[in-house]
Amino acid sequence: MLVTIEDLKTAVDEGRFHEFILETKSAFLSSPERALMLENELYYEGENPFLARAVNVLKRLRLDTGKELDLSPLIDIYSNFAFRIVDQLVNRLWYSPVQITSPDSEGKMVCVKHLLGDGFDDIALEIANKAAIHGACYAFWNAGHVEMFEATTYLPIYDERTGRHVAGLRVLQLEKGRAEHVQLYERDGFSEWVVVSDEGRERLSVYQEKMPYKRDVFSAPGGSFEVGCDNYEVLPIAPLYVANNKKSVLGKPIKTKINAYDLSETSYFDDFIKTKPIYWAIEGFSGEAEELLGIYRTLSQLGIIATPESLDSNANIDAKTVNLPYQTKKELQESLENSIFRDAQVINVQAIVSGHVTATAVRYSGIAEDNKAKSLERHAVKFIKGLMDIAGISGEVRFVHKTLMDDESVMRQIVMAHGVGVPVEALVSVMPILQGRVDEVLGLMEGGEDYLDEK
């Protein structure tokens, strides 16, 4: 959804400023872009909207006779691919505190990150996590510290000519039925209203008249007095994106494969639960249904049966079993899982640990994740520098790069799964991600799992 500052100015000139705010608010809340962000949140939280809809369709199927036919599975099985992808990508870059330095009067580089407020690393990690899920997240510089504006609540307003982010509309509501607040952020201050219903129509009630972002307050025994106010040179809101197209890492190529994986897993185990271990094929039966039920009870309880009068001389009772296609299901899901991580440009750690991939595959998946991390870093540096410009801070931004093998638990699993009794040179030669960690690999192979714990 695209809104420009020219749209806002036109509404002001036409005397329909409040109507424009309400219309924009309603359009934003019902927009397809926001709906997609909320859907991504569900995937990240372990839900699958597609699977839920598919189950509801099966519940509503009706026969030609008009009777309902419930074919819904007894249990819905959900994967956590979305969480693993987002968590792995975000922590790959943000796992370690970002370094922000600037030269002092003597030319020595000193840390200036504290100028962005206490707990900057924590809030920046939250912003990065939301940006990965939604495609964007916003940081508001609130006179000395950073606050997060989620893309599901904040609509950026752009300059029609330059495409720059010059204003924004934020909608806040704790839960349905609670008061709904609308905030407008402009370069020269922000305003806030409460949405009230008046005879079935919405209108805005002023909650906060437009006020500047910076206020100087003098405190004295007799009270506090405002002695000055000012604004920043630019809008004090910096966006963080995770891709050039400003979209989430949970794109359609990934979610459709997650849908296929969850549906196949659910279908297989539903068949497993609903399939009886033994089916009895009875030939030559001419009796009543009640007698057939008695035969079944006898077979189930005793495992034997005497030939009843309802069976003719050529009758036969045979036990049949059904073998579900487990190997086919396994191969399909392994293919889907590999494809999910390949499209996300993320190393599938579980596949490495289980030994299902070759050293070449590990090397190339590592390259893909490195490229993704570099792209994330470019956007992250631009985001932090944008905040620094707003706050009037100069300096350099640097991230400490993390590799997969910086995670000792991963190294422990890989070496213990593949390396016991294998010469370390052979292990490192076929698993490039272990290179540079020979001493630790040796210690782990010789000392077992206690080695890293003792370090």
Protein backbone atom coordinates (compact mmCIF):
# COMPACT_ATOMS: atom_id res chain seq x y z
CA MET A 1 0.00 0.00 0.00
CA LEU A 2 1.53 3.29 -1.12
CA VAL A 3 0.67 6.63 0.47
CA THR A 4 2.53 9.85 -0.32
CA ILE A 5 2.99 13.15 1.47
CA GLU A 6 1.30 14.77 -1.54
CA ASP A 7 -1.85 12.74 -0.75
CA LEU A 8 -1.74 14.12 2.79
CA LYS A 9 -1.22 17.73 1.62
CA THR A 10 -4.08 17.45 -0.86
CA ALA A 11 -6.42 16.24 1.88
CA VAL A 12 -5.39 19.19 4.08
CA ASP A 13 -5.99 21.65 1.23
CA GLU A 14 -9.43 20.15 0.60
CA GLY A 15 -10.38 20.38 4.27
CA ARG A 16 -10.71 16.60 4.72
CA PHE A 17 -7.65 15.92 6.85
CA HIS A 18 -9.43 13.75 9.46
CA GLU A 19 -11.32 11.83 6.77
CA PHE A 20 -7.99 11.09 5.04
CA ILE A 21 -6.44 9.79 8.28
CA LEU A 22 -9.43 7.49 8.94
CA GLU A 23 -9.58 6.24 5.34
CA THR A 24 -5.84 5.56 5.28
CA LYS A 25 -6.02 3.79 8.64
CA SER A 26 -8.85 1.50 7.49
CA ALA A 27 -7.19 0.76 4.14
CA PHE A 28 -3.91 -0.08 5.86
CA LEU A 29 -5.48 -2.46 8.39
CA SER A 30 -7.29 -4.36 5.62
CA SER A 31 -4.47 -4.23 3.05
CA PRO A 32 -3.12 -7.42 1.41
CA GLU A 33 0.42 -6.38 2.41
CA ARG A 34 -0.46 -6.30 6.10
CA ALA A 35 -2.43 -9.55 5.82
CA LEU A 36 0.71 -11.19 4.38
CA MET A 37 2.79 -9.93 7.32
CA LEU A 38 0.29 -11.37 9.81
CA GLU A 39 0.33 -14.67 7.90
CA ASN A 40 4.13 -14.75 8.13
CA GLU A 41 3.84 -14.26 11.89
CA LEU A 42 1.65 -17.37 12.11
CA TYR A 43 4.23 -19.44 10.21
CA TYR A 44 6.98 -18.11 12.49
CA GLU A 45 4.93 -19.06 15.57
CA GLY A 46 4.54 -22.65 14.35
CA GLU A 47 1.10 -22.35 12.78
CA ASN A 48 0.17 -23.11 9.17
CA PRO A 49 -2.82 -21.12 7.83
CA PHE A 50 -2.92 -23.22 4.64
CA LEU A 51 -3.18 -26.50 6.56
CA ALA A 52 -5.87 -25.02 8.84
CA ARG A 53 -7.92 -23.96 5.79
CA ALA A 54 -7.47 -27.36 4.14
CA VAL A 55 -8.73 -29.11 7.27
CA ASN A 56 -11.79 -26.85 7.41
CA VAL A 57 -12.62 -27.67 3.78
CA LEU A 58 -12.47 -31.40 4.54
CA LYS A 59 -14.81 -30.90 7.50
CA ARG A 60 -17.39 -29.19 5.30
CA LEU A 61 -17.48 -31.77 2.48
CA ARG A 62 -20.99 -33.11 1.84
CA LEU A 63 -22.25 -36.21 0.07
CA ASP A 64 -24.79 -36.07 -2.77
CA THR A 65 -27.40 -37.09 -0.21
CA GLY A 66 -26.76 -33.87 1.72
CA LYS A 67 -25.11 -35.63 4.65
CA GLU A 68 -21.84 -34.23 5.96
CA LEU A 69 -18.64 -36.20 5.33
CA ASP A 70 -15.88 -35.31 7.77
CA LEU A 71 -12.55 -36.35 6.26
CA SER A 72 -10.47 -34.07 8.47
CA PRO A 73 -7.34 -35.59 10.01
CA LEU A 74 -7.37 -36.70 13.63
CA ILE A 75 -4.22 -34.70 14.27
CA ASP A 76 -2.68 -31.72 12.46
CA ILE A 77 1.13 -31.75 12.31
CA TYR A 78 3.00 -28.46 11.96
CA SER A 79 6.71 -27.90 11.26
CA ASN A 80 8.88 -25.06 12.58
CA PHE A 81 10.86 -24.30 9.41
CA ALA A 82 9.92 -20.62 9.45
CA PHE A 83 11.23 -20.15 12.99
CA ARG A 84 14.46 -22.00 12.21
CA ILE A 85 15.11 -19.94 9.08
CA VAL A 86 14.44 -16.55 10.70
CA ASP A 87 16.28 -17.40 13.91
CA GLN A 88 19.34 -18.75 12.09
CA LEU A 89 19.61 -15.81 9.68
CA VAL A 90 19.09 -13.10 12.30
CA ASN A 91 21.47 -14.63 14.81
CA ARG A 92 24.09 -15.23 12.12
CA LEU A 93 24.48 -11.44 11.90
CA TRP A 94 23.24 -10.06 15.22
CA TYR A 95 24.41 -12.78 17.65
CA SER A 96 27.28 -10.57 18.82
CA PRO A 97 26.95 -6.89 19.86
CA VAL A 98 27.51 -4.59 16.90
CA GLN A 99 30.62 -2.41 17.10
CA ILE A 100 30.17 1.36 16.62
CA THR A 101 33.36 3.38 16.92
CA SER A 102 34.51 6.94 16.27
CA PRO A 103 37.92 8.68 16.59
CA ASP A 104 38.44 10.77 19.72
CA SER A 105 40.41 14.03 19.94
CA GLU A 106 43.65 12.06 19.79
CA GLY A 107 42.60 10.01 16.80
CA LYS A 108 42.04 6.83 18.83
CA MET A 109 38.96 4.79 17.91
CA VAL A 110 36.55 4.60 20.85
CA CYS A 111 33.15 2.99 21.28
CA VAL A 112 30.20 5.36 20.83
CA LYS A 113 27.39 2.81 20.78
CA HIS A 114 26.17 3.97 24.22
CA LEU A 115 25.03 7.18 22.53
CA LEU A 116 22.23 5.15 20.92
CA GLY A 117 20.80 4.42 24.36
CA ASP A 118 20.92 1.61 26.90
CA GLY A 119 20.06 -1.83 25.59
CA PHE A 120 20.54 -0.89 21.94
CA ASP A 121 21.77 -4.40 21.01
CA ASP A 122 18.64 -6.00 22.47
CA ILE A 123 16.16 -3.70 20.75
CA ALA A 124 18.13 -3.90 17.48
CA LEU A 125 17.89 -7.72 17.61
CA GLU A 126 14.11 -7.48 18.09
CA ILE A 127 13.84 -5.06 15.16
CA ALA A 128 15.94 -7.38 12.96
CA ASN A 129 13.76 -10.35 13.89
CA LYS A 130 10.55 -8.50 12.99
CA ALA A 131 12.10 -7.21 9.76
CA ALA A 132 12.96 -10.78 8.73
CA ILE A 133 9.35 -11.87 9.34
CA HIS A 134 7.53 -8.84 7.91
CA GLY A 135 10.06 -7.58 5.39
CA ALA A 136 10.55 -4.30 7.24
CA CYS A 137 10.63 -2.85 10.73
CA TYR A 138 11.13 0.71 11.95
CA ALA A 139 13.17 2.33 14.72
CA PHE A 140 11.91 5.57 16.27
CA TRP A 141 14.61 7.74 17.84
CA ASN A 142 12.89 9.03 20.96
CA ALA A 143 15.31 11.64 22.34
CA GLY A 144 18.03 9.30 23.62
CA HIS A 145 16.76 5.78 23.01
CA VAL A 146 15.29 3.57 20.29
CA GLU A 147 11.71 2.29 20.15
CA MET A 148 10.42 -0.35 17.74
CA PHE A 149 7.55 0.29 15.31
CA GLU A 150 6.37 -2.98 13.74
CA ALA A 151 5.38 -2.92 10.07
CA THR A 152 1.96 -4.32 11.03
CA THR A 153 1.23 -1.10 12.95
CA TYR A 154 3.23 1.52 11.04
CA LEU A 155 2.56 2.74 7.49
CA PRO A 156 5.39 4.79 5.93
CA ILE A 157 4.45 7.85 3.87
CA TYR A 158 6.78 8.70 0.99
CA ASP A 159 7.74 11.76 -1.02
CA GLU A 160 6.22 11.30 -4.45
CA ARG A 161 9.19 12.84 -6.28
CA THR A 162 12.19 11.47 -4.36
CA GLY A 163 10.70 8.26 -2.93
CA ARG A 164 12.10 9.14 0.51
CA HIS A 165 10.35 8.11 3.71
CA VAL A 166 9.18 11.50 5.07
CA ALA A 167 6.23 10.71 7.39
CA GLY A 168 4.26 7.80 8.81
CA LEU A 169 0.93 6.72 10.28
CA ARG A 170 0.88 4.38 13.27
CA VAL A 171 -2.20 2.48 14.50
CA LEU A 172 -2.27 1.09 18.04
CA GLN A 173 -4.88 -1.16 19.66
CA LEU A 174 -4.05 -3.62 22.43
CA GLU A 175 -6.93 -5.92 21.52
CA LYS A 176 -10.31 -5.82 19.80
CA GLY A 177 -12.78 -3.76 21.81
CA ARG A 178 -10.07 -1.57 23.33
CA ALA A 179 -9.43 2.06 22.40
CA GLU A 180 -7.81 2.54 18.98
CA HIS A 181 -5.11 5.22 18.75
CA VAL A 182 -3.77 6.78 15.57
CA GLN A 183 -0.45 8.65 15.51
CA LEU A 184 0.89 10.78 12.68
CA TYR A 185 4.67 11.29 12.55
CA GLU A 186 5.92 14.21 10.47
CA ARG A 187 9.29 15.92 10.29
CA ASP A 188 8.05 18.84 12.39
CA GLY A 189 6.39 16.79 15.15
CA PHE A 190 3.80 14.14 15.89
CA SER A 191 0.06 14.14 16.62
CA GLU A 192 -2.21 11.54 18.18
CA TRP A 193 -5.95 10.86 18.14
CA VAL A 194 -8.37 8.33 19.60
CA VAL A 195 -10.85 6.75 17.20
CA VAL A 196 -14.38 7.03 18.61
CA SER A 197 -17.68 5.80 17.21
CA ASP A 198 -20.36 8.46 16.77
CA GLU A 199 -23.75 7.07 15.70
CA GLY A 200 -22.07 4.20 13.85
CA ARG A 201 -19.46 6.40 12.16
CA GLU A 202 -15.81 6.77 13.15
CA ARG A 203 -14.33 10.12 14.01
CA LEU A 204 -11.06 11.34 15.52
CA SER A 205 -10.85 12.81 19.01
CA VAL A 206 -7.65 14.72 19.77
CA TYR A 207 -5.44 12.90 22.27
CA GLN A 208 -2.27 14.91 21.68
CA GLU A 209 -1.97 18.08 19.63
CA LYS A 210 1.07 18.21 17.36
CA MET A 211 4.18 18.58 19.48
CA PRO A 212 7.92 18.62 18.69
CA TYR A 213 10.12 15.58 19.21
CA LYS A 214 12.65 17.33 21.45
CA ARG A 215 11.60 19.24 24.56
CA ASP A 216 13.85 20.91 27.14
CA VAL A 217 12.29 20.79 30.60
CA PHE A 218 13.57 22.67 33.66
CA SER A 219 12.73 21.07 37.01
CA ALA A 220 12.52 23.14 40.21
CA PRO A 221 10.99 22.70 43.65
CA GLY A 222 7.92 24.53 42.44
CA GLY A 223 7.39 22.28 39.43
CA SER A 224 8.66 21.55 35.93
CA PHE A 225 8.70 24.08 33.12
CA GLU A 226 9.26 23.67 29.39
CA VAL A 227 12.00 26.07 28.39
CA GLY A 228 12.51 25.05 24.77
CA CYS A 229 11.57 22.64 22.02
CA ASP A 230 12.97 21.56 18.67
CA ASN A 231 12.80 18.92 15.95
CA TYR A 232 15.33 16.84 14.07
CA GLU A 233 16.58 17.72 10.61
CA VAL A 234 14.87 14.60 9.22
CA LEU A 235 12.01 12.33 10.27
CA PRO A 236 13.36 10.49 13.38
CA ILE A 237 12.33 7.06 12.10
CA ALA A 238 14.79 4.69 10.39
CA PRO A 239 13.64 1.60 8.43
CA LEU A 240 15.37 -1.77 8.46
CA TYR A 241 14.86 -4.03 5.46
CA VAL A 242 16.24 -7.52 4.87
CA ALA A 243 16.15 -7.50 1.07
CA ASN A 244 16.28 -5.02 -1.79
CA ASN A 245 12.64 -5.76 -2.63
CA LYS A 246 11.66 -4.97 0.99
CA LYS A 247 10.04 -8.38 1.39
CA SER A 248 10.22 -11.02 4.11
CA VAL A 249 12.68 -13.91 4.12
CA LEU A 250 9.55 -16.10 4.29
CA GLY A 251 8.63 -15.68 0.65
CA LYS A 252 6.12 -17.66 -1.40
CA PRO A 253 8.70 -20.22 -2.67
CA ILE A 254 9.41 -21.16 0.95
CA LYS A 255 5.88 -21.11 2.36
CA THR A 256 4.41 -23.24 -0.44
CA LYS A 257 6.99 -25.94 0.29
CA ILE A 258 6.27 -25.69 4.01
CA ASN A 259 2.59 -26.21 3.12
CA ALA A 260 3.44 -29.31 1.08
CA TYR A 261 5.64 -30.68 3.88
CA ASP A 262 3.05 -30.16 6.63
CA LEU A 263 0.24 -31.56 4.49
CA SER A 264 2.21 -34.69 3.57
CA GLU A 265 3.21 -35.21 7.22
CA THR A 266 -0.36 -34.75 8.41
CA SER A 267 -1.82 -36.99 5.68
CA TYR A 268 0.67 -39.80 6.29
CA PHE A 269 0.22 -39.96 10.05
CA ASP A 270 -3.54 -39.62 9.70
CA ASP A 271 -3.52 -42.64 7.40
CA PHE A 272 -1.26 -44.41 9.90
CA ILE A 273 -3.69 -43.76 12.76
CA LYS A 274 -6.84 -44.57 10.79
CA THR A 275 -5.44 -47.68 9.07
CA LYS A 276 -6.22 -50.89 10.95
CA PRO A 277 -3.28 -53.26 11.53
CA ILE A 278 -5.22 -56.20 10.04
CA TYR A 279 -8.15 -56.37 7.60
CA TRP A 280 -10.08 -59.67 7.41
CA ALA A 281 -11.13 -60.75 3.93
CA ILE A 282 -14.06 -63.20 4.24
CA GLU A 283 -15.16 -65.03 1.09
CA GLY A 284 -18.31 -67.09 0.78
CA PHE A 285 -20.28 -65.33 3.57
CA SER A 286 -24.10 -65.46 3.20
CA GLY A 287 -25.30 -64.66 6.70
CA GLU A 288 -26.59 -61.51 8.44
CA ALA A 289 -24.47 -58.49 9.32
CA GLU A 290 -24.82 -59.27 13.03
CA GLU A 291 -23.24 -62.68 12.50
CA LEU A 292 -20.40 -61.04 10.54
CA LEU A 293 -19.80 -58.76 13.50
CA GLY A 294 -19.64 -61.81 15.77
CA ILE A 295 -16.98 -63.36 13.53
CA TYR A 296 -14.95 -60.18 13.81
CA ARG A 297 -15.23 -60.10 17.63
CA THR A 298 -14.11 -63.73 17.87
CA LEU A 299 -11.14 -63.07 15.62
CA SER A 300 -10.17 -59.98 17.59
CA GLN A 301 -10.46 -61.60 21.02
CA LEU A 302 -9.30 -65.17 20.42
CA GLY A 303 -7.45 -65.01 17.14
CA ILE A 304 -9.27 -68.20 16.00
CA ILE A 305 -12.68 -69.01 14.59
CA ALA A 306 -14.79 -72.09 14.02
CA THR A 307 -16.53 -72.24 10.64
CA PRO A 308 -20.13 -71.00 11.12
CA GLU A 309 -23.13 -72.24 9.13
CA SER A 310 -23.20 -68.97 7.20
CA LEU A 311 -19.96 -69.91 5.43
CA ASP A 312 -20.25 -72.35 2.51
CA SER A 313 -17.79 -75.16 1.79
CA ASN A 314 -15.59 -72.94 -0.38
CA ALA A 315 -15.42 -70.14 2.22
CA ASN A 316 -12.13 -68.57 3.14
CA ILE A 317 -11.00 -66.10 5.84
CA ASP A 318 -7.74 -64.34 5.12
CA ALA A 319 -5.84 -61.67 7.07
CA LYS A 320 -4.72 -58.67 5.01
CA THR A 321 -2.26 -55.95 6.05
CA VAL A 322 -1.66 -52.51 4.55
CA ASN A 323 1.86 -51.17 4.22
CA LEU A 324 1.94 -47.37 3.99
CA PRO A 325 4.54 -45.92 1.57
CA TYR A 326 6.98 -44.76 4.26
CA GLN A 327 10.08 -44.66 2.05
CA THR A 328 8.30 -42.55 -0.59
CA LYS A 329 7.07 -40.16 2.09
CA LYS A 330 10.56 -39.92 3.59
CA GLU A 331 12.19 -39.14 0.24
CA LEU A 332 9.53 -36.54 -0.57
CA GLN A 333 9.97 -34.76 2.75
CA GLU A 334 13.77 -34.81 2.56
CA SER A 335 13.52 -33.26 -0.90
CA LEU A 336 11.11 -30.58 0.37
CA GLU A 337 13.26 -29.82 3.42
CA ASN A 338 16.41 -29.42 1.34
CA SER A 339 14.54 -27.20 -1.09
CA ILE A 340 13.17 -25.02 1.73
CA PHE A 341 16.62 -24.33 3.16
CA ARG A 342 18.16 -23.90 -0.30
CA ASP A 343 15.59 -21.25 -1.26
CA ALA A 344 16.06 -19.52 2.10
CA GLN A 345 19.87 -19.56 1.59
CA VAL A 346 20.31 -21.14 5.01
CA ILE A 347 22.44 -24.13 6.02
CA ASN A 348 20.33 -27.08 7.15
CA VAL A 349 22.23 -27.95 10.34
CA GLN A 350 20.11 -31.03 11.05
CA ALA A 351 20.98 -32.53 7.65
CA ILE A 352 24.69 -31.99 8.35
CA VAL A 353 24.45 -33.58 11.77
CA SER A 354 22.57 -36.60 10.42
CA GLY A 355 25.17 -37.08 7.68
CA HIS A 356 22.68 -36.82 4.82
CA VAL A 357 24.71 -34.28 2.82
CA THR A 358 28.11 -34.37 1.19
CA ALA A 359 31.04 -32.09 1.93
CA THR A 360 30.46 -30.37 -1.43
CA ALA A 361 26.83 -29.68 -0.53
CA VAL A 362 27.90 -28.27 2.83
CA ARG A 363 30.45 -26.01 1.12
CA TYR A 364 27.94 -24.60 -1.36
CA SER A 365 25.17 -24.14 1.21
CA GLY A 366 27.70 -22.29 3.35
CA ILE A 367 28.46 -19.97 0.44
CA ALA A 368 24.75 -19.29 -0.04
CA GLU A 369 24.29 -18.42 3.63
CA ASP A 370 27.39 -16.21 3.56
CA ASN A 371 25.93 -14.30 0.61
CA LYS A 372 22.63 -13.90 2.43
CA ALA A 373 24.43 -12.69 5.56
CA LYS A 374 26.34 -10.11 3.52
CA SER A 375 23.09 -8.81 2.08
CA LEU A 376 21.58 -8.59 5.57
CA GLU A 377 24.69 -6.77 6.78
CA ARG A 378 24.44 -4.12 4.06
CA HIS A 379 20.88 -3.31 5.09
CA ALA A 380 21.77 -3.43 8.79
CA VAL A 381 24.67 -0.99 8.42
CA LYS A 382 22.45 1.39 6.42
CA PHE A 383 19.81 1.15 9.16
CA ILE A 384 22.24 1.91 12.00
CA LYS A 385 23.88 4.75 10.09
CA GLY A 386 20.44 6.19 9.48
CA LEU A 387 19.78 6.17 13.23
CA MET A 388 23.18 7.74 13.88
CA ASP A 389 22.45 10.53 11.40
CA ILE A 390 19.16 11.28 13.16
CA ALA A 391 20.86 11.33 16.58
CA GLY A 392 23.81 13.37 15.30
CA ILE A 393 26.39 10.61 15.93
CA SER A 394 29.35 10.06 13.64
CA GLY A 395 31.30 6.82 13.46
CA GLU A 396 31.87 3.47 11.79
CA VAL A 397 29.65 0.40 12.06
CA ARG A 398 31.10 -3.09 12.08
CA PHE A 399 29.61 -6.53 12.60
CA VAL A 400 31.58 -9.51 13.90
CA HIS A 401 30.98 -12.27 11.40
CA LYS A 402 29.78 -15.60 12.69
CA THR A 403 30.32 -18.91 10.95
CA LEU A 404 28.40 -22.08 11.53
CA MET A 405 31.30 -23.55 13.49
CA ASP A 406 31.21 -20.75 16.04
CA ASP A 407 28.35 -22.74 17.49
CA GLU A 408 30.15 -25.31 19.63
CA SER A 409 27.03 -27.44 20.05
CA VAL A 410 26.91 -27.88 16.27
CA MET A 411 30.59 -28.86 16.13
CA ARG A 412 30.05 -31.30 19.00
CA GLN A 413 27.21 -33.02 17.14
CA ILE A 414 29.03 -33.22 13.82
CA VAL A 415 32.29 -34.58 15.23
CA MET A 416 30.62 -37.09 17.55
CA ALA A 417 28.39 -38.29 14.70
CA HIS A 418 31.15 -38.64 12.11
CA GLY A 419 34.55 -38.36 13.73
CA VAL A 420 34.89 -41.04 16.39
CA GLY A 421 37.67 -43.36 15.26
CA VAL A 422 38.41 -41.33 12.11
CA PRO A 423 41.77 -39.55 11.56
CA VAL A 424 41.27 -35.82 12.05
CA GLU A 425 42.92 -35.01 8.70
CA ALA A 426 40.37 -37.19 6.91
CA LEU A 427 37.48 -35.63 8.81
CA VAL A 428 38.58 -32.07 8.06
CA SER A 429 39.30 -32.84 4.41
CA VAL A 430 35.75 -34.02 3.74
CA MET A 431 34.04 -31.45 5.99
CA PRO A 432 35.43 -28.01 5.13
CA ILE A 433 33.41 -26.28 7.84
CA LEU A 434 35.75 -27.89 10.38
CA GLN A 435 38.84 -26.26 8.90
CA GLY A 436 40.59 -23.89 11.27
CA ARG A 437 39.32 -25.82 14.31
CA VAL A 438 41.71 -28.79 14.18
CA ASP A 439 42.85 -28.51 17.82
CA GLU A 440 39.27 -28.43 19.08
CA VAL A 441 38.26 -31.30 16.83
CA LEU A 442 41.19 -33.35 18.16
CA GLY A 443 40.27 -32.55 21.74
CA LEU A 444 36.67 -33.48 21.17
CA MET A 445 37.56 -36.75 19.43
CA GLU A 446 39.99 -37.75 22.18
CA GLY A 447 38.10 -36.42 25.18
CA GLY A 448 34.55 -37.05 24.07
CA GLU A 449 31.66 -34.68 24.80
CA ASP A 450 33.25 -33.51 28.09
CA TYR A 451 36.04 -31.72 26.20
CA LEU A 452 34.14 -28.57 25.22
CA ASP A 453 32.37 -28.46 28.58
CA GLU A 454 35.73 -28.38 30.35
CA LYS A 455 37.03 -25.55 28.15
